[in-house]
C-alpha atoms as a PDB file:
ATOM      1  CA  MET A   1      27.070   4.625  -5.304  1.00  0.00           C
ATOM      2  CA  THR A   2      27.259   0.808  -5.267  1.00  0.00           C
ATOM      3  CA  ARG A   3      25.070  -1.386  -7.446  1.00  0.00           C
ATOM      4  CA  ARG A   4      22.952  -2.295  -4.439  1.00  0.00           C
ATOM      5  CA  SER A   5      22.398   1.329  -3.399  1.00  0.00           C
ATOM      6  CA  PRO A   6      19.380   1.940  -5.694  1.00  0.00           C
ATOM      7  CA  GLU A   7      17.664  -1.166  -4.287  1.00  0.00           C
ATOM      8  CA  ILE A   8      18.358   0.014  -0.733  1.00  0.00           C
ATOM      9  CA  VAL A   9      16.822   3.426  -1.498  1.00  0.00           C
ATOM     10  CA  VAL A  10      13.702   1.763  -2.930  1.00  0.00           C
ATOM     11  CA  ASP A  11      13.440  -0.496   0.120  1.00  0.00           C
ATOM     12  CA  LEU A  12      13.790   2.373   2.604  1.00  0.00           C
ATOM     13  CA  LEU A  13      11.179   4.486   0.837  1.00  0.00           C
ATOM     14  CA  LEU A  14       8.708   1.590   0.733  1.00  0.00           C
ATOM     15  CA  ILE A  15       9.274   1.011   4.451  1.00  0.00           C
ATOM     16  CA  ALA A  16       8.578   4.733   5.021  1.00  0.00           C
ATOM     17  CA  VAL A  17       5.300   4.285   3.147  1.00  0.00           C
ATOM     18  CA  ALA A  18       4.469   1.379   5.449  1.00  0.00           C
ATOM     19  CA  ALA A  19       5.233   3.582   8.470  1.00  0.00           C
ATOM     20  CA  VAL A  20       2.880   6.415   7.503  1.00  0.00           C
ATOM     21  CA  TRP A  21       0.199   3.972   6.445  1.00  0.00           C
ATOM     22  CA  GLY A  22       0.558   2.187   9.776  1.00  0.00           C
ATOM     23  CA  ALA A  23       0.003   5.494  11.547  1.00  0.00           C
ATOM     24  CA  SER A  24      -3.000   6.196   9.314  1.00  0.00           C
ATOM     25  CA  PHE A  25      -5.174   3.638  11.143  1.00  0.00           C
ATOM     26  CA  LEU A  26      -5.323   5.733  14.291  1.00  0.00           C
ATOM     27  CA  SER A  27      -5.642   8.987  12.344  1.00  0.00           C
ATOM     28  CA  ALA A  28      -8.458   7.696  10.123  1.00  0.00           C
ATOM     29  CA  LYS A  29     -10.276   6.218  13.107  1.00  0.00           C
ATOM     30  CA  GLU A  30     -10.263   9.603  14.853  1.00  0.00           C
ATOM     31  CA  LEU A  31     -11.293  11.529  11.732  1.00  0.00           C
ATOM     32  CA  THR A  32     -14.166   9.230  10.772  1.00  0.00           C
ATOM     33  CA  GLY A  33     -15.401   9.365  14.354  1.00  0.00           C
ATOM     34  CA  GLU A  34     -15.587  13.146  14.009  1.00  0.00           C
ATOM     35  CA  VAL A  35     -17.033  13.653  10.519  1.00  0.00           C
ATOM     36  CA  GLY A  36     -18.027  10.241   9.129  1.00  0.00           C
ATOM     37  CA  VAL A  37     -16.437   7.971   6.525  1.00  0.00           C
ATOM     38  CA  ALA A  38     -17.351   9.627   3.204  1.00  0.00           C
ATOM     39  CA  PRO A  39     -16.442  13.223   4.201  1.00  0.00           C
ATOM     40  CA  ALA A  40     -13.185  11.991   5.757  1.00  0.00           C
ATOM     41  CA  VAL A  41     -12.126  10.235   2.552  1.00  0.00           C
ATOM     42  CA  ALA A  42     -13.179  13.218   0.409  1.00  0.00           C
ATOM     43  CA  MET A  43     -11.256  15.774   2.505  1.00  0.00           C
ATOM     44  CA  ARG A  44      -8.176  13.574   2.472  1.00  0.00           C
ATOM     45  CA  PHE A  45      -8.142  13.393  -1.321  1.00  0.00           C
ATOM     46  CA  ILE A  46      -9.041  17.048  -1.892  1.00  0.00           C
ATOM     47  CA  VAL A  47      -6.066  18.151   0.227  1.00  0.00           C
ATOM     48  CA  ALA A  48      -3.813  15.627  -1.482  1.00  0.00           C
ATOM     49  CA  ALA A  49      -4.872  16.629  -5.006  1.00  0.00           C
ATOM     50  CA  ALA A  50      -4.497  20.350  -4.244  1.00  0.00           C
ATOM     51  CA  ALA A  51      -1.023  19.920  -2.737  1.00  0.00           C
ATOM     52  CA  LEU A  52       0.299  17.754  -5.558  1.00  0.00           C
ATOM     53  CA  GLY A  53      -1.336  20.057  -8.110  1.00  0.00           C
ATOM     54  CA  VAL A  54       0.717  22.979  -6.787  1.00  0.00           C
ATOM     55  CA  ILE A  55       3.907  20.886  -6.919  1.00  0.00           C
ATOM     56  CA  CYS A  56       3.221  19.803 -10.510  1.00  0.00           C
ATOM     57  CA  LEU A  57       2.484  23.410 -11.493  1.00  0.00           C
ATOM     58  CA  ILE A  58       5.740  24.676  -9.994  1.00  0.00           C
ATOM     59  CA  ARG A  59       7.720  21.869 -11.620  1.00  0.00           C
ATOM     60  CA  ARG A  60       5.801  22.284 -14.904  1.00  0.00           C
ATOM     61  CA  GLU A  61       5.117  18.582 -15.061  1.00  0.00           C
ATOM     62  CA  ARG A  62       3.658  17.391 -18.348  1.00  0.00           C
ATOM     63  CA  MET A  63       0.336  15.675 -17.814  1.00  0.00           C
ATOM     64  CA  PRO A  64      -0.182  12.212 -19.342  1.00  0.00           C
ATOM     65  CA  ARG A  65      -2.212  11.996 -22.521  1.00  0.00           C
ATOM     66  CA  GLY A  66      -4.023   9.340 -24.449  1.00  0.00           C
ATOM     67  CA  ARG A  67      -3.292   5.841 -23.137  1.00  0.00           C
ATOM     68  CA  GLY A  68      -1.211   7.245 -20.268  1.00  0.00           C
ATOM     69  CA  LEU A  69      -4.120   9.380 -19.085  1.00  0.00           C
ATOM     70  CA  ALA A  70      -6.519   6.434 -19.299  1.00  0.00           C
ATOM     71  CA  ILE A  71      -4.156   4.235 -17.267  1.00  0.00           C
ATOM     72  CA  ALA A  72      -3.735   6.923 -14.597  1.00  0.00           C
ATOM     73  CA  ALA A  73      -7.503   7.420 -14.339  1.00  0.00           C
ATOM     74  CA  LEU A  74      -8.078   3.667 -14.061  1.00  0.00           C
ATOM     75  CA  LEU A  75      -5.498   3.391 -11.277  1.00  0.00           C
ATOM     76  CA  GLY A  76      -7.187   6.354  -9.577  1.00  0.00           C
ATOM     77  CA  CYS A  77     -10.449   4.434  -9.479  1.00  0.00           C
ATOM     78  CA  SER A  78      -8.792   1.384  -7.944  1.00  0.00           C
ATOM     79  CA  GLN A  79      -6.926   3.547  -5.413  1.00  0.00           C
ATOM     80  CA  ALA A  80     -10.162   5.289  -4.423  1.00  0.00           C
ATOM     81  CA  ALA A  81     -11.750   1.878  -3.890  1.00  0.00           C
ATOM     82  CA  VAL A  82      -8.858   0.712  -1.687  1.00  0.00           C
ATOM     83  CA  ILE A  83      -8.939   3.767   0.584  1.00  0.00           C
ATOM     84  CA  GLY A  84     -12.708   3.952   0.687  1.00  0.00           C
ATOM     85  CA  LEU A  85     -13.140   0.307   1.669  1.00  0.00           C
ATOM     86  CA  GLU A  86     -10.268   0.429   4.150  1.00  0.00           C
ATOM     87  CA  THR A  87     -11.543   3.612   5.833  1.00  0.00           C
ATOM     88  CA  ALA A  88     -15.065   2.255   6.116  1.00  0.00           C
ATOM     89  CA  GLY A  89     -13.721  -1.006   7.486  1.00  0.00           C
ATOM     90  CA  VAL A  90     -11.479   0.621  10.085  1.00  0.00           C
ATOM     91  CA  HIS A  91     -14.421   2.758  11.192  1.00  0.00           C
ATOM     92  CA  LEU A  92     -16.581  -0.317  11.798  1.00  0.00           C
ATOM     93  CA  THR A  93     -14.092  -2.839  13.162  1.00  0.00           C
ATOM     94  CA  SER A  94     -11.209  -2.859  15.622  1.00  0.00           C
ATOM     95  CA  ALA A  95      -7.753  -1.625  14.670  1.00  0.00           C
ATOM     96  CA  THR A  96      -6.304  -5.045  15.520  1.00  0.00           C
ATOM     97  CA  ASN A  97      -8.641  -6.886  13.150  1.00  0.00           C
ATOM     98  CA  ALA A  98      -8.035  -4.282  10.434  1.00  0.00           C
ATOM     99  CA  GLY A  99      -4.258  -4.652  10.823  1.00  0.00           C
ATOM    100  CA  LEU A 100      -4.536  -8.411  10.404  1.00  0.00           C
ATOM    101  CA  LEU A 101      -6.971  -8.457   7.508  1.00  0.00           C
ATOM    102  CA  ILE A 102      -5.354  -5.763   5.345  1.00  0.00           C
ATOM    103  CA  SER A 103      -2.106  -7.751   5.449  1.00  0.00           C
ATOM    104  CA  LEU A 104      -3.810 -10.465   3.384  1.00  0.00           C
ATOM    105  CA  ALA A 105      -2.698  -8.371   0.394  1.00  0.00           C
ATOM    106  CA  LEU A 106       0.686 -10.025   1.061  1.00  0.00           C
ATOM    107  CA  VAL A 107      -0.821 -13.311  -0.099  1.00  0.00           C
ATOM    108  CA  PHE A 108      -3.046 -11.959  -2.873  1.00  0.00           C
ATOM    109  CA  THR A 109      -0.375  -9.865  -4.637  1.00  0.00           C
ATOM    110  CA  PRO A 110       2.196 -12.585  -5.469  1.00  0.00           C
ATOM    111  CA  VAL A 111      -0.582 -14.867  -6.674  1.00  0.00           C
ATOM    112  CA  LEU A 112      -1.908 -12.171  -9.023  1.00  0.00           C
ATOM    113  CA  GLU A 113       1.555 -11.209 -10.254  1.00  0.00           C
ATOM    114  CA  SER A 114       2.483 -14.841 -10.863  1.00  0.00           C
ATOM    115  CA  ILE A 115      -0.674 -15.365 -12.914  1.00  0.00           C
ATOM    116  CA  ALA A 116      -0.087 -12.141 -14.867  1.00  0.00           C
ATOM    117  CA  SER A 117       3.571 -12.906 -15.627  1.00  0.00           C
ATOM    118  CA  ARG A 118       3.032 -16.656 -16.065  1.00  0.00           C
ATOM    119  CA  SER A 119       6.035 -17.258 -13.828  1.00  0.00           C
ATOM    120  CA  TRP A 120       5.114 -18.912 -10.550  1.00  0.00           C
ATOM    121  CA  LEU A 121       7.194 -17.935  -7.541  1.00  0.00           C
ATOM    122  CA  PRO A 122       9.078 -20.610  -5.553  1.00  0.00           C
ATOM    123  CA  ARG A 123       7.157 -22.352  -2.798  1.00  0.00           C
ATOM    124  CA  SER A 124       9.590 -20.891  -0.282  1.00  0.00           C
ATOM    125  CA  TYR A 125       8.208 -17.424  -1.022  1.00  0.00           C
ATOM    126  CA  PHE A 126       4.704 -18.474  -0.077  1.00  0.00           C
ATOM    127  CA  VAL A 127       6.071 -20.004   3.119  1.00  0.00           C
ATOM    128  CA  ALA A 128       7.493 -16.555   3.948  1.00  0.00           C
ATOM    129  CA  ALA A 129       4.190 -14.876   3.060  1.00  0.00           C
ATOM    130  CA  VAL A 130       2.236 -17.255   5.292  1.00  0.00           C
ATOM    131  CA  ALA A 131       4.763 -16.687   8.081  1.00  0.00           C
ATOM    132  CA  ALA A 132       4.155 -12.945   7.769  1.00  0.00           C
ATOM    133  CA  VAL A 133       0.404 -13.456   8.105  1.00  0.00           C
ATOM    134  CA  VAL A 134       0.981 -15.691  11.158  1.00  0.00           C
ATOM    135  CA  GLY A 135       3.139 -12.925  12.574  1.00  0.00           C
ATOM    136  CA  VAL A 136       0.313 -10.436  12.126  1.00  0.00           C
ATOM    137  CA  ALA A 137      -2.030 -12.850  13.909  1.00  0.00           C
ATOM    138  CA  LEU A 138       0.374 -13.002  16.855  1.00  0.00           C
ATOM    139  CA  LEU A 139       0.815  -9.256  16.727  1.00  0.00           C
ATOM    140  CA  VAL A 140      -2.879  -8.523  17.129  1.00  0.00           C
ATOM    141  CA  SER A 141      -3.708 -11.426  19.434  1.00  0.00           C
ATOM    142  CA  ASP A 142      -3.183  -9.330  22.560  1.00  0.00           C
ATOM    143  CA  GLY A 143      -6.206  -7.255  21.579  1.00  0.00           C
ATOM    144  CA  GLY A 144      -8.341 -10.343  21.093  1.00  0.00           C
ATOM    145  CA  LEU A 145      -9.868 -11.468  17.797  1.00  0.00           C
ATOM    146  CA  ARG A 146     -13.578 -11.876  17.230  1.00  0.00           C
ATOM    147  CA  ALA A 147     -15.878 -13.270  14.578  1.00  0.00           C
ATOM    148  CA  PRO A 148     -15.751 -11.340  11.263  1.00  0.00           C
ATOM    149  CA  ALA A 149     -18.255  -8.501  11.019  1.00  0.00           C
ATOM    150  CA  VAL A 150     -19.215  -6.001   8.311  1.00  0.00           C
ATOM    151  CA  GLY A 151     -16.117  -3.925   8.967  1.00  0.00           C
ATOM    152  CA  ASP A 152     -13.903  -7.005   8.679  1.00  0.00           C
ATOM    153  CA  ALA A 153     -15.431  -7.891   5.314  1.00  0.00           C
ATOM    154  CA  LEU A 154     -14.772  -4.359   4.057  1.00  0.00           C
ATOM    155  CA  VAL A 155     -11.095  -4.561   5.063  1.00  0.00           C
ATOM    156  CA  ILE A 156     -10.749  -7.952   3.336  1.00  0.00           C
ATOM    157  CA  ALA A 157     -12.242  -6.394   0.205  1.00  0.00           C
ATOM    158  CA  ALA A 158      -9.724  -3.529   0.520  1.00  0.00           C
ATOM    159  CA  ALA A 159      -6.873  -6.062   0.697  1.00  0.00           C
ATOM    160  CA  VAL A 160      -8.078  -7.765  -2.485  1.00  0.00           C
ATOM    161  CA  VAL A 161      -8.416  -4.467  -4.364  1.00  0.00           C
ATOM    162  CA  ARG A 162      -5.016  -3.313  -3.060  1.00  0.00           C
ATOM    163  CA  ALA A 163      -3.392  -6.430  -4.509  1.00  0.00           C
ATOM    164  CA  PHE A 164      -5.023  -5.738  -7.879  1.00  0.00           C
ATOM    165  CA  HIS A 165      -3.971  -2.075  -7.685  1.00  0.00           C
ATOM    166  CA  VAL A 166      -0.296  -2.783  -6.884  1.00  0.00           C
ATOM    167  CA  THR A 167      -0.071  -5.447  -9.589  1.00  0.00           C
ATOM    168  CA  ALA A 168      -1.795  -3.254 -12.184  1.00  0.00           C
ATOM    169  CA  SER A 169       0.390  -0.266 -11.273  1.00  0.00           C
ATOM    170  CA  ALA A 170       3.526  -2.309 -11.897  1.00  0.00           C
ATOM    171  CA  ARG A 171       2.400  -3.815 -15.196  1.00  0.00           C
ATOM    172  CA  LEU A 172       0.597  -0.830 -16.722  1.00  0.00           C
ATOM    173  CA  THR A 173       3.179   1.853 -15.901  1.00  0.00           C
ATOM    174  CA  ARG A 174       6.417  -0.078 -16.429  1.00  0.00           C
ATOM    175  CA  GLY A 175       8.223   1.059 -19.557  1.00  0.00           C
ATOM    176  CA  ARG A 176       6.173   4.245 -19.858  1.00  0.00           C
ATOM    177  CA  HIS A 177       7.797   7.655 -19.598  1.00  0.00           C
ATOM    178  CA  ASP A 178       4.914   9.632 -18.115  1.00  0.00           C
ATOM    179  CA  SER A 179       5.829  11.833 -15.160  1.00  0.00           C
ATOM    180  CA  THR A 180       5.308   9.961 -11.898  1.00  0.00           C
ATOM    181  CA  LEU A 181       4.003  13.108 -10.189  1.00  0.00           C
ATOM    182  CA  ALA A 182       1.583  13.814 -13.036  1.00  0.00           C
ATOM    183  CA  VAL A 183       0.273  10.232 -13.024  1.00  0.00           C
ATOM    184  CA  VAL A 184      -0.321  10.363  -9.268  1.00  0.00           C
ATOM    185  CA  LEU A 185      -2.025  13.761  -9.636  1.00  0.00           C
ATOM    186  CA  VAL A 186      -4.509  12.282 -12.084  1.00  0.00           C
ATOM    187  CA  GLN A 187      -5.150   9.446  -9.640  1.00  0.00           C
ATOM    188  CA  LEU A 188      -5.734  11.855  -6.748  1.00  0.00           C
ATOM    189  CA  VAL A 189      -8.074  14.057  -8.803  1.00  0.00           C
ATOM    190  CA  VAL A 190     -10.112  10.983  -9.726  1.00  0.00           C
ATOM    191  CA  CYS A 191     -10.170   9.950  -6.057  1.00  0.00           C
ATOM    192  CA  ALA A 192     -11.196  13.465  -4.944  1.00  0.00           C
ATOM    193  CA  VAL A 193     -14.022  13.706  -7.493  1.00  0.00           C
ATOM    194  CA  THR A 194     -15.455  10.249  -6.798  1.00  0.00           C
ATOM    195  CA  SER A 195     -15.228  10.532  -3.001  1.00  0.00           C
ATOM    196  CA  SER A 196     -16.725  14.048  -3.029  1.00  0.00           C
ATOM    197  CA  ALA A 197     -19.630  12.759  -5.103  1.00  0.00           C
ATOM    198  CA  VAL A 198     -20.211   9.995  -2.547  1.00  0.00           C
ATOM    199  CA  ALA A 199     -20.015  12.444   0.383  1.00  0.00           C
ATOM    200  CA  GLY A 200     -22.397  14.947  -1.250  1.00  0.00           C
ATOM    201  CA  ALA A 201     -23.748  17.740   0.945  1.00  0.00           C
ATOM    202  CA  ASP A 202     -22.266  16.113   4.060  1.00  0.00           C
ATOM    203  CA  LEU A 203     -18.833  17.257   2.900  1.00  0.00           C
ATOM    204  CA  LEU A 204     -19.549  20.970   3.399  1.00  0.00           C
ATOM    205  CA  VAL A 205     -21.152  20.312   6.778  1.00  0.00           C
ATOM    206  CA  ALA A 206     -18.119  18.277   7.870  1.00  0.00           C
ATOM    207  CA  VAL A 207     -15.669  20.998   6.800  1.00  0.00           C
ATOM    208  CA  GLY A 208     -17.610  23.609   8.767  1.00  0.00           C
ATOM    209  CA  ARG A 209     -17.441  21.714  12.050  1.00  0.00           C
ATOM    210  CA  LEU A 210     -13.938  20.238  11.785  1.00  0.00           C
ATOM    211  CA  THR A 211     -11.800  20.766  14.892  1.00  0.00           C
ATOM    212  CA  ALA A 212      -8.075  21.555  15.022  1.00  0.00           C
ATOM    213  CA  SER A 213      -7.211  17.912  15.659  1.00  0.00           C
ATOM    214  CA  GLY A 214      -9.491  16.969  12.790  1.00  0.00           C
ATOM    215  CA  TRP A 215      -7.598  19.275  10.428  1.00  0.00           C
ATOM    216  CA  ALA A 216      -4.327  17.770  11.655  1.00  0.00           C
ATOM    217  CA  ASN A 217      -5.630  14.321  10.741  1.00  0.00           C
ATOM    218  CA  VAL A 218      -6.804  15.559   7.330  1.00  0.00           C
ATOM    219  CA  LEU A 219      -3.402  17.066   6.561  1.00  0.00           C
ATOM    220  CA  PHE A 220      -1.557  13.961   7.748  1.00  0.00           C
ATOM    221  CA  LEU A 221      -3.767  11.646   5.693  1.00  0.00           C
ATOM    222  CA  GLY A 222      -3.730  13.916   2.658  1.00  0.00           C
ATOM    223  CA  LEU A 223      -0.084  14.974   2.513  1.00  0.00           C
ATOM    224  CA  LEU A 224       1.864  12.053   3.967  1.00  0.00           C
ATOM    225  CA  CYS A 225      -0.450   9.066   3.567  1.00  0.00           C
ATOM    226  CA  SER A 226      -1.604  10.093   0.073  1.00  0.00           C
ATOM    227  CA  VAL A 227       0.825  12.403  -1.771  1.00  0.00           C
ATOM    228  CA  PHE A 228       4.056  11.034  -0.312  1.00  0.00           C
ATOM    229  CA  ALA A 229       2.911   7.407  -0.145  1.00  0.00           C
ATOM    230  CA  PHE A 230       1.283   7.217  -3.578  1.00  0.00           C
ATOM    231  CA  VAL A 231       4.187   8.919  -5.336  1.00  0.00           C
ATOM    232  CA  VAL A 232       6.735   6.634  -3.666  1.00  0.00           C
ATOM    233  CA  GLN A 233       4.628   3.537  -4.333  1.00  0.00           C
ATOM    234  CA  LEU A 234       4.304   4.240  -8.052  1.00  0.00           C
ATOM    235  CA  TRP A 235       7.958   5.309  -8.327  1.00  0.00           C
ATOM    236  CA  ALA A 236       9.106   2.168  -6.519  1.00  0.00           C
ATOM    237  CA  VAL A 237       7.030  -0.400  -8.421  1.00  0.00           C
ATOM    238  CA  ARG A 238       8.529   0.957 -11.639  1.00  0.00           C
ATOM    239  CA  ARG A 239      11.943  -0.057 -10.257  1.00  0.00           C
ATOM    240  CA  THR A 240      11.078  -3.314  -8.513  1.00  0.00           C
ATOM    241  CA  SER A 241       8.320  -5.941  -8.575  1.00  0.00           C
ATOM    242  CA  ALA A 242       4.811  -5.656  -7.178  1.00  0.00           C
ATOM    243  CA  THR A 243       5.530  -8.667  -4.962  1.00  0.00           C
ATOM    244  CA  ARG A 244       8.637  -7.118  -3.423  1.00  0.00           C
ATOM    245  CA  ALA A 245       6.805  -3.817  -2.868  1.00  0.00           C
ATOM    246  CA  SER A 246       3.954  -5.658  -1.197  1.00  0.00           C
ATOM    247  CA  ILE A 247       6.334  -7.564   1.101  1.00  0.00           C
ATOM    248  CA  LEU A 248       8.037  -4.356   2.287  1.00  0.00           C
ATOM    249  CA  MET A 249       4.780  -2.480   2.718  1.00  0.00           C
ATOM    250  CA  GLY A 250       3.527  -5.517   4.622  1.00  0.00           C
ATOM    251  CA  THR A 251       5.394  -4.175   7.670  1.00  0.00           C
ATOM    252  CA  GLU A 252       2.505  -1.717   7.976  1.00  0.00           C
ATOM    253  CA  PRO A 253       0.957  -3.582  10.978  1.00  0.00           C
ATOM    254  CA  VAL A 254       4.236  -3.244  12.900  1.00  0.00           C
ATOM    255  CA  TRP A 255       4.124   0.523  12.486  1.00  0.00           C
ATOM    256  CA  ALA A 256       0.451   0.552  13.412  1.00  0.00           C
ATOM    257  CA  LEU A 257       1.374  -1.212  16.634  1.00  0.00           C
ATOM    258  CA  ALA A 258       4.202   1.251  17.325  1.00  0.00           C
ATOM    259  CA  VAL A 259       1.839   4.207  16.947  1.00  0.00           C
ATOM    260  CA  GLY A 260      -0.745   2.511  19.140  1.00  0.00           C
ATOM    261  CA  VAL A 261       1.806   1.985  21.905  1.00  0.00           C
ATOM    262  CA  ALA A 262       3.431   5.423  21.668  1.00  0.00           C
ATOM    263  CA  ILE A 263       0.283   7.511  21.168  1.00  0.00           C
ATOM    264  CA  GLY A 264      -2.658   5.295  22.056  1.00  0.00           C
ATOM    265  CA  GLY A 265      -1.092   3.869  25.206  1.00  0.00           C
ATOM    266  CA  GLU A 266      -1.691   0.242  24.209  1.00  0.00           C
ATOM    267  CA  LEU A 267       0.200  -2.525  26.016  1.00  0.00           C
ATOM    268  CA  VAL A 268       1.946  -5.265  24.034  1.00  0.00           C
ATOM    269  CA  GLY A 269       2.725  -8.676  25.491  1.00  0.00           C
ATOM    270  CA  LEU A 270       5.178 -11.333  24.387  1.00  0.00           C
ATOM    271  CA  PRO A 271       2.879 -12.696  21.608  1.00  0.00           C
ATOM    272  CA  GLY A 272       2.729  -9.245  20.053  1.00  0.00           C
ATOM    273  CA  LEU A 273       6.490  -8.795  20.186  1.00  0.00           C
ATOM    274  CA  ALA A 274       6.996 -12.271  18.700  1.00  0.00           C
ATOM    275  CA  GLY A 275       4.560 -11.420  15.910  1.00  0.00           C
ATOM    276  CA  ALA A 276       6.377  -8.172  15.097  1.00  0.00           C
ATOM    277  CA  ALA A 277       9.708 -10.031  14.893  1.00  0.00           C
ATOM    278  CA  LEU A 278       8.177 -12.728  12.675  1.00  0.00           C
ATOM    279  CA  ILE A 279       6.718 -10.153  10.285  1.00  0.00           C
ATOM    280  CA  ILE A 280      10.046  -8.374   9.861  1.00  0.00           C
ATOM    281  CA  ALA A 281      11.966 -11.644   9.392  1.00  0.00           C
ATOM    282  CA  ALA A 282       9.417 -13.014   6.921  1.00  0.00           C
ATOM    283  CA  SER A 283       9.389  -9.743   4.993  1.00  0.00           C
ATOM    284  CA  TYR A 284      13.132  -9.749   4.452  1.00  0.00           C
ATOM    285  CA  ALA A 285      13.214 -13.483   3.703  1.00  0.00           C
ATOM    286  CA  GLY A 286      10.444 -13.102   1.136  1.00  0.00           C
ATOM    287  CA  GLN A 287      12.217 -10.112  -0.387  1.00  0.00           C
ATOM    288  CA  ALA A 288      15.444 -12.112  -0.785  1.00  0.00           C
ATOM    289  CA  ILE A 289      13.628 -15.107  -2.310  1.00  0.00           C
ATOM    290  CA  GLU A 290      11.725 -12.933  -4.776  1.00  0.00           C
ATOM    291  CA  ARG A 291      14.866 -11.007  -5.782  1.00  0.00           C
ATOM    292  CA  ARG A 292      16.848 -14.198  -6.440  1.00  0.00           C
ATOM    293  CA  HIS A 293      13.945 -15.606  -8.458  1.00  0.00           C
ATOM    294  CA  ARG A 294      13.623 -12.430 -10.549  1.00  0.00           C
ATOM    295  CA  ARG A 295      17.362 -12.271 -11.249  1.00  0.00           C
ATOM    296  CA  ALA A 296      17.475 -15.966 -12.183  1.00  0.00           C
ATOM    297  CA  LEU A 297      14.661 -15.476 -14.686  1.00  0.00           C
ATOM    298  CA  ALA A 298      16.373 -12.393 -16.136  1.00  0.00           C
ATOM    299  CA  ALA A 299      19.661 -14.285 -16.505  1.00  0.00           C
ATOM    300  CA  ALA A 300      17.884 -17.193 -18.177  1.00  0.00           C
ATOM    301  CA  ALA A 301      16.136 -14.850 -20.599  1.00  0.00           C
ATOM    302  CA  GLU A 302      19.442 -13.130 -21.429  1.00  0.00           C
ATOM    303  CA  SER A 303      21.080 -16.490 -22.072  1.00  0.00           C
ATOM    304  CA  ARG A 304      18.291 -17.496 -24.457  1.00  0.00           C
ATOM    305  CA  ARG A 305      18.630 -14.198 -26.346  1.00  0.00           C
ATOM    306  CA  ASP A 306      22.382 -14.820 -26.744  1.00  0.00           C
ATOM    307  CA  GLY A 307      21.677 -18.257 -28.176  1.00  0.00           C
ATOM    308  CA  GLY A 308      23.580 -20.105 -25.485  1.00  0.00           C
ATOM    309  CA  PRO A 309      22.444 -22.760 -23.027  1.00  0.00           C
ATOM    310  CA  VAL A 310      20.409 -21.668 -20.057  1.00  0.00           C
ATOM    311  CA  LEU A 311      22.838 -22.120 -17.189  1.00  0.00           C
ATOM    312  CA  VAL A 312      20.892 -20.256 -14.491  1.00  0.00           C
ATOM    313  CA  SER A 313      18.020 -22.008 -12.834  1.00  0.00           C
ATOM    314  CA  ALA A 314      15.412 -20.666 -10.514  1.00  0.00           C
ATOM    315  CA  PRO A 315      16.179 -21.039  -6.804  1.00  0.00           C
ATOM    316  CA  PRO A 316      15.005 -24.290  -5.241  1.00  0.00           C
ATOM    317  CA  PRO A 317      11.603 -24.201  -3.512  1.00  0.00           C
END
């Protein structure tokens, strides 16, 4: 395996997360239309927690303790907030607006990570991030944008919390040796408990009248969009930066569009195709800029530790 192979594996898995999350917009929209927002979120997390619990039991994963358990529970609360706000927002607004607004996490995450690490990214990265947001705007323009409503505000809030969650996941779990599966299980249990409490008695009513397509949506959201996606996200941010993870997962609107065209029968014009191309190009450009910046800082730190002159500078803006 070449030195670049591990990075390629991380990239591909993060793109797979973006794909299932892109498909989740249509699935969540259908499920909330059938049972409501709170029961939909609760059923998603109950299925996810049960499935991952079985996997951890079979693998005899050691559960985190002490500080590790507290960190996992805290990240569970932030993850529950992200999914809850996003699901409520998608239920109340259009899929096009939701796809645009959730991508604002692309801008929020590098800002938060730069503040946390006290190492500001090059200006060229923010140019790439803005280009990605412009691409999303082009992507959704065929559906027509409207003035922000309650649902739009909820999706914006989800984007802000997602940026905090990704940044916190990277900083709080890096260097720890807790099992990734066990950490995610704690998060899912926290999400299941909190969302079930919010749903209350409506949860049992919703389960009793769920249709076959509704169960399919629950399983898709619980197994792929939660277990698979959360495990990969936490595993990946331990091996890369929160900014790079956010850039790759920022292709989520492209996958949402693909699902809408293939399953929902939506038509995409030239602006939408141009937006999709811009998002992909900006994502890879931002990834390259961030990687060069991170390696330059690491080389400079290594040079300082060796007592020699710092010969590696950060890439030009």
